[in-house]
Amino acid sequence: MMDSLKQRILDYVSANQPAKVDLIYKELGICRNRYYEEAKQLRFMGKLRSVPGIGVFTGEDDYQRWLKSGGYEEIRQRAVEANLSSQEAKGTKKPSGKDDVKMFAPYNPAKNGVVAEFMQSDAHKRLMMVYGRRA
């Protein structure tokens, strides 16, 4: 059975997907702990789907629909922005349009003997044995 608070939560979430938890309980005028109690029951009933960092959806179908209609791009953009801010904080961000020249240079065994050394090593032979190949 669905009480009126659960129904109000579902109505708010369906109108504001993905809904942020802090906005849900503030808009509904309830305390955070009460929201979590009700949301837990709704999740067990399969009527709510909480996605960390994104928001709350009215079920798995709505979440999948959101992903297909631009959600994947939003998640990708958030990851790019988080990566850039992390690089800025560490001081490792490259100026825009500047790629690492070494990244695109072809492998030169004369300059880097590590690969050739590995190919002759016992470790390489053991690795090839795992995959059933001869070194």
Protein backbone atom coordinates (compact mmCIF):
# COMPACT_ATOMS: atom_id res chain seq x y z
CA MET A 1 0.00 0.00 0.00
CA MET A 2 1.23 3.47 -0.88
CA ASP A 3 0.79 6.28 1.63
CA SER A 4 0.50 9.94 0.62
CA LEU A 5 4.14 10.82 1.41
CA LYS A 6 5.46 8.06 -0.82
CA GLN A 7 3.13 9.24 -3.56
CA ARG A 8 4.32 12.85 -3.13
CA ILE A 9 7.93 11.67 -3.42
CA LEU A 10 7.14 9.72 -6.59
CA ASP A 11 5.25 12.68 -8.07
CA TYR A 12 8.12 15.08 -7.36
CA VAL A 13 10.76 12.70 -8.73
CA SER A 14 8.78 11.94 -11.89
CA ALA A 15 8.38 15.68 -12.56
CA ASN A 16 12.06 16.49 -11.91
CA GLN A 17 14.14 13.53 -13.14
CA PRO A 18 16.95 13.23 -12.28
CA ALA A 19 15.88 14.73 -8.95
CA LYS A 20 18.47 15.75 -6.38
CA VAL A 21 17.90 14.33 -2.90
CA ASP A 22 18.47 17.63 -1.08
CA LEU A 23 15.84 19.31 -3.25
CA ILE A 24 13.33 16.49 -2.81
CA TYR A 25 13.12 16.66 0.96
CA LYS A 26 13.30 20.47 1.04
CA GLU A 27 10.51 20.85 -1.54
CA LEU A 28 8.35 18.29 0.24
CA GLY A 29 8.98 19.89 3.63
CA ILE A 30 10.23 16.75 5.35
CA CYS A 31 13.45 15.98 7.16
CA ARG A 32 16.24 14.16 5.38
CA ASN A 33 16.03 11.03 7.55
CA ARG A 34 12.31 10.70 6.86
CA TYR A 35 12.97 10.96 3.12
CA TYR A 36 15.61 8.21 3.34
CA GLU A 37 13.23 5.93 5.24
CA GLU A 38 10.50 6.36 2.63
CA ALA A 39 12.91 6.18 -0.31
CA LYS A 40 14.37 2.92 1.01
CA GLN A 41 10.94 1.34 0.95
CA LEU A 42 10.25 2.72 -2.53
CA ARG A 43 13.56 1.34 -3.80
CA PHE A 44 12.72 -2.11 -2.41
CA MET A 45 9.38 -1.88 -4.20
CA GLY A 46 11.22 -1.03 -7.42
CA LYS A 47 9.62 2.39 -7.76
CA LEU A 48 12.76 4.50 -7.21
CA ARG A 49 16.25 4.23 -8.66
CA SER A 50 19.00 6.29 -6.99
CA VAL A 51 22.14 6.89 -9.02
CA PRO A 52 25.07 8.32 -7.03
CA GLY A 53 26.25 11.64 -8.40
CA ILE A 54 23.30 11.90 -10.81
CA GLY A 55 20.00 11.84 -8.95
CA VAL A 56 16.85 9.87 -8.36
CA PHE A 57 14.63 8.32 -11.05
CA THR A 58 11.23 6.66 -10.93
CA GLY A 59 12.52 3.21 -11.71
CA GLU A 60 15.11 1.52 -13.88
CA ASP A 61 13.19 2.15 -17.12
CA ASP A 62 13.26 5.91 -16.62
CA TYR A 63 16.96 5.79 -15.80
CA GLN A 64 17.71 3.84 -19.00
CA ARG A 65 15.56 6.27 -21.00
CA TRP A 66 17.51 9.19 -19.51
CA LEU A 67 20.82 7.53 -20.41
CA LYS A 68 19.73 7.07 -24.02
CA SER A 69 18.41 10.62 -24.34
CA GLY A 70 21.64 12.39 -23.37
CA GLY A 71 22.53 10.93 -20.00
CA TYR A 72 25.60 9.13 -21.29
CA GLU A 73 26.91 12.42 -22.68
CA GLU A 74 26.23 14.21 -19.39
CA ILE A 75 28.13 11.54 -17.44
CA ARG A 76 31.01 11.70 -19.94
CA GLN A 77 31.16 15.49 -19.68
CA ARG A 78 31.22 15.32 -15.87
CA ALA A 79 34.13 12.88 -16.06
CA VAL A 80 36.04 15.17 -18.43
CA GLU A 81 35.47 18.17 -16.17
CA ALA A 82 36.51 16.20 -13.07
CA ASN A 83 39.67 15.07 -14.84
CA LEU A 84 40.54 18.63 -15.89
CA SER A 85 39.97 20.01 -12.41
CA SER A 86 42.11 17.23 -10.98
CA GLN A 87 44.89 18.06 -13.43
CA GLU A 88 44.63 21.76 -12.55
CA ALA A 89 44.85 20.97 -8.84
CA LYS A 90 47.95 18.85 -9.41
CA GLY A 91 49.45 21.41 -11.78
CA THR A 92 49.73 18.87 -14.60
CA LYS A 93 47.19 20.35 -17.01
CA LYS A 94 48.63 20.89 -20.47
CA PRO A 95 47.84 24.09 -22.35
CA SER A 96 44.95 23.51 -24.74
CA GLY A 97 45.99 22.17 -28.11
CA LYS A 98 49.35 20.97 -26.80
CA ASP A 99 49.80 17.22 -26.92
CA ASP A 100 52.72 15.30 -25.54
CA VAL A 101 55.03 14.75 -28.50
CA LYS A 102 56.25 11.43 -27.08
CA MET A 103 52.71 10.11 -27.11
CA PHE A 104 52.63 9.96 -30.91
CA ALA A 105 56.24 8.98 -31.59
CA PRO A 106 56.71 5.48 -33.02
CA TYR A 107 58.53 2.94 -30.89
CA ASN A 108 62.28 3.04 -31.44
CA PRO A 109 64.10 -0.02 -30.03
CA ALA A 110 67.45 1.78 -30.30
CA LYS A 111 66.29 4.38 -27.75
CA ASN A 112 64.30 2.06 -25.49
CA GLY A 113 65.65 -1.42 -24.89
CA VAL A 114 63.10 -2.33 -22.25
CA VAL A 115 60.75 -4.07 -24.68
CA ALA A 116 63.52 -6.03 -26.38
CA GLU A 117 64.88 -7.04 -22.98
CA PHE A 118 61.43 -8.20 -21.86
CA MET A 119 60.93 -10.26 -25.03
CA GLN A 120 64.06 -12.25 -24.13
CA SER A 121 63.26 -12.62 -20.43
CA ASP A 122 62.03 -15.60 -18.44
CA ALA A 123 59.00 -13.53 -17.40
CA HIS A 124 57.91 -13.25 -21.04
CA LYS A 125 58.33 -16.99 -21.52
CA ARG A 126 56.19 -17.71 -18.44
CA LEU A 127 53.55 -15.29 -19.66
CA MET A 128 53.40 -16.97 -23.05
CA MET A 129 53.08 -20.37 -21.36
CA VAL A 130 49.98 -19.10 -19.54
CA TYR A 131 48.39 -18.35 -22.91
CA GLY A 132 49.62 -21.61 -24.43
CA ARG A 133 52.06 -20.02 -26.84
CA ARG A 134 55.76 -20.39 -27.32
CA ALA A 135 57.99 -17.39 -26.74
